[in-house]
Amino acid sequence: MKIRRILKNLLIEDSGQDLIEYALVAAFLALSAVAAMAPIANKMSNEFNGIGNSL
């Protein structure tokens, strides 16, 4: 009886699910930010090099 109740509670319990979902969203946002910054970094580097060369 006790094991049956424990297994039933494990199947119903979902408090850890929220933490995993938040972690996945945070990881997706971090990867998106890194992917978006690569082209911007190249453009900024080229712009600063052009300014440095003109000085």
N, C-alpha and C. Protein backbone atom coordinates (compact mmCIF):
# COMPACT_ATOMS: atom_id res chain seq x y z
N MET A 1 0.83 -1.20 0.00
CA MET A 1 0.00 0.00 0.00
C MET A 1 0.87 1.26 0.00
N LYS A 2 1.88 1.26 0.83
CA LYS A 2 2.71 2.46 0.96
C LYS A 2 3.48 2.73 -0.35
N ILE A 3 4.00 1.68 -0.96
CA ILE A 3 4.74 1.86 -2.22
C ILE A 3 3.80 2.37 -3.30
N ARG A 4 2.60 1.86 -3.31
CA ARG A 4 1.61 2.31 -4.30
C ARG A 4 1.33 3.80 -4.14
N ARG A 5 1.21 4.26 -2.91
CA ARG A 5 0.95 5.68 -2.64
C ARG A 5 2.14 6.55 -3.05
N ILE A 6 3.35 6.06 -2.78
CA ILE A 6 4.55 6.80 -3.16
C ILE A 6 4.64 6.94 -4.68
N LEU A 7 4.39 5.85 -5.38
CA LEU A 7 4.44 5.91 -6.85
C LEU A 7 3.37 6.83 -7.41
N LYS A 8 2.21 6.80 -6.81
CA LYS A 8 1.13 7.68 -7.26
C LYS A 8 1.51 9.14 -7.05
N ASN A 9 2.12 9.45 -5.90
CA ASN A 9 2.55 10.82 -5.63
C ASN A 9 3.65 11.27 -6.59
N LEU A 10 4.54 10.35 -6.95
CA LEU A 10 5.61 10.70 -7.90
C LEU A 10 5.04 11.04 -9.28
N LEU A 11 4.03 10.31 -9.68
CA LEU A 11 3.42 10.58 -10.98
C LEU A 11 2.66 11.90 -11.00
N ILE A 12 2.07 12.25 -9.88
CA ILE A 12 1.28 13.48 -9.80
C ILE A 12 2.17 14.70 -9.59
N GLU A 13 3.28 14.53 -8.86
CA GLU A 13 4.16 15.66 -8.50
C GLU A 13 4.77 16.26 -9.76
N ASP A 14 4.67 17.58 -9.91
CA ASP A 14 5.25 18.25 -11.07
C ASP A 14 5.95 19.55 -10.70
N SER A 15 6.39 19.69 -9.47
CA SER A 15 7.03 20.95 -9.06
C SER A 15 8.38 21.15 -9.73
N GLY A 16 9.11 20.09 -10.04
CA GLY A 16 10.39 20.23 -10.71
C GLY A 16 10.26 20.59 -12.18
N GLN A 17 9.10 20.39 -12.73
CA GLN A 17 8.87 20.66 -14.14
C GLN A 17 9.02 22.15 -14.45
N ASP A 18 8.56 23.01 -13.57
CA ASP A 18 8.66 24.45 -13.80
C ASP A 18 10.11 24.89 -13.88
N LEU A 19 10.95 24.36 -13.00
CA LEU A 19 12.36 24.72 -13.00
C LEU A 19 13.03 24.33 -14.30
N ILE A 20 12.72 23.17 -14.81
CA ILE A 20 13.31 22.72 -16.07
C ILE A 20 12.84 23.60 -17.22
N GLU A 21 11.58 23.97 -17.22
CA GLU A 21 11.06 24.84 -18.28
C GLU A 21 11.75 26.20 -18.26
N TYR A 22 11.92 26.78 -17.08
CA TYR A 22 12.61 28.07 -16.97
C TYR A 22 14.06 27.96 -17.42
N ALA A 23 14.71 26.86 -17.08
CA ALA A 23 16.09 26.67 -17.50
C ALA A 23 16.19 26.55 -19.02
N LEU A 24 15.25 25.85 -19.63
CA LEU A 24 15.26 25.73 -21.09
C LEU A 24 15.02 27.07 -21.77
N VAL A 25 14.12 27.87 -21.23
CA VAL A 25 13.85 29.20 -21.80
C VAL A 25 15.09 30.07 -21.66
N ALA A 26 15.74 30.04 -20.49
CA ALA A 26 16.94 30.84 -20.27
C ALA A 26 18.06 30.41 -21.22
N ALA A 27 18.22 29.11 -21.43
CA ALA A 27 19.25 28.62 -22.35
C ALA A 27 18.94 29.06 -23.78
N PHE A 28 17.69 29.01 -24.18
CA PHE A 28 17.31 29.44 -25.53
C PHE A 28 17.59 30.93 -25.72
N LEU A 29 17.26 31.74 -24.72
CA LEU A 29 17.53 33.17 -24.81
C LEU A 29 19.02 33.46 -24.88
N ALA A 30 19.81 32.75 -24.10
CA ALA A 30 21.26 32.95 -24.12
C ALA A 30 21.84 32.58 -25.48
N LEU A 31 21.42 31.46 -26.03
CA LEU A 31 21.91 31.07 -27.36
C LEU A 31 21.48 32.06 -28.44
N SER A 32 20.28 32.57 -28.32
CA SER A 32 19.80 33.56 -29.29
C SER A 32 20.61 34.84 -29.19
N ALA A 33 20.91 35.26 -27.98
CA ALA A 33 21.69 36.48 -27.80
C ALA A 33 23.10 36.32 -28.37
N VAL A 34 23.72 35.19 -28.14
CA VAL A 34 25.07 34.95 -28.67
C VAL A 34 25.03 34.91 -30.19
N ALA A 35 24.04 34.26 -30.75
CA ALA A 35 23.94 34.18 -32.20
C ALA A 35 23.67 35.55 -32.83
N ALA A 36 22.93 36.40 -32.15
CA ALA A 36 22.62 37.72 -32.68
C ALA A 36 23.80 38.67 -32.54
N MET A 37 24.66 38.45 -31.57
CA MET A 37 25.78 39.38 -31.33
C MET A 37 26.95 39.16 -32.27
N ALA A 38 27.10 37.99 -32.85
CA ALA A 38 28.24 37.71 -33.73
C ALA A 38 28.28 38.67 -34.93
N PRO A 39 27.21 38.82 -35.69
CA PRO A 39 27.27 39.76 -36.82
C PRO A 39 27.45 41.21 -36.38
N ILE A 40 26.85 41.56 -35.26
CA ILE A 40 26.97 42.93 -34.76
C ILE A 40 28.40 43.21 -34.34
N ALA A 41 29.06 42.23 -33.72
CA ALA A 41 30.45 42.41 -33.30
C ALA A 41 31.35 42.63 -34.51
N ASN A 42 31.12 41.89 -35.58
CA ASN A 42 31.93 42.07 -36.79
C ASN A 42 31.73 43.45 -37.39
N LYS A 43 30.50 43.92 -37.43
CA LYS A 43 30.23 45.24 -37.99
C LYS A 43 30.87 46.33 -37.14
N MET A 44 30.78 46.20 -35.82
CA MET A 44 31.38 47.20 -34.94
C MET A 44 32.90 47.20 -35.07
N SER A 45 33.49 46.02 -35.16
CA SER A 45 34.94 45.92 -35.33
C SER A 45 35.38 46.59 -36.62
N ASN A 46 34.67 46.35 -37.70
CA ASN A 46 35.01 46.99 -38.98
C ASN A 46 34.86 48.51 -38.89
N GLU A 47 33.83 48.95 -38.20
CA GLU A 47 33.62 50.40 -38.07
C GLU A 47 34.74 51.06 -37.27
N PHE A 48 35.13 50.45 -36.15
CA PHE A 48 36.21 51.00 -35.35
C PHE A 48 37.55 50.94 -36.09
N ASN A 49 37.78 49.90 -36.86
CA ASN A 49 39.00 49.83 -37.66
C ASN A 49 39.02 50.94 -38.70
N GLY A 50 37.88 51.19 -39.32
CA GLY A 50 37.81 52.28 -40.30
C GLY A 50 38.07 53.63 -39.66
N ILE A 51 37.54 53.85 -38.47
CA ILE A 51 37.77 55.13 -37.76
C ILE A 51 39.24 55.23 -37.38
N GLY A 52 39.82 54.13 -36.89
CA GLY A 52 41.23 54.14 -36.51
C GLY A 52 42.13 54.41 -37.70
N ASN A 53 41.82 53.85 -38.85
CA ASN A 53 42.62 54.06 -40.05
C ASN A 53 42.52 55.49 -40.56
N SER A 54 41.36 56.10 -40.39
CA SER A 54 41.20 57.48 -40.88
C SER A 54 41.90 58.49 -39.98
N LEU A 55 42.16 58.11 -38.74
CA LEU A 55 42.87 59.02 -37.85
C LEU A 55 44.34 58.96 -38.17
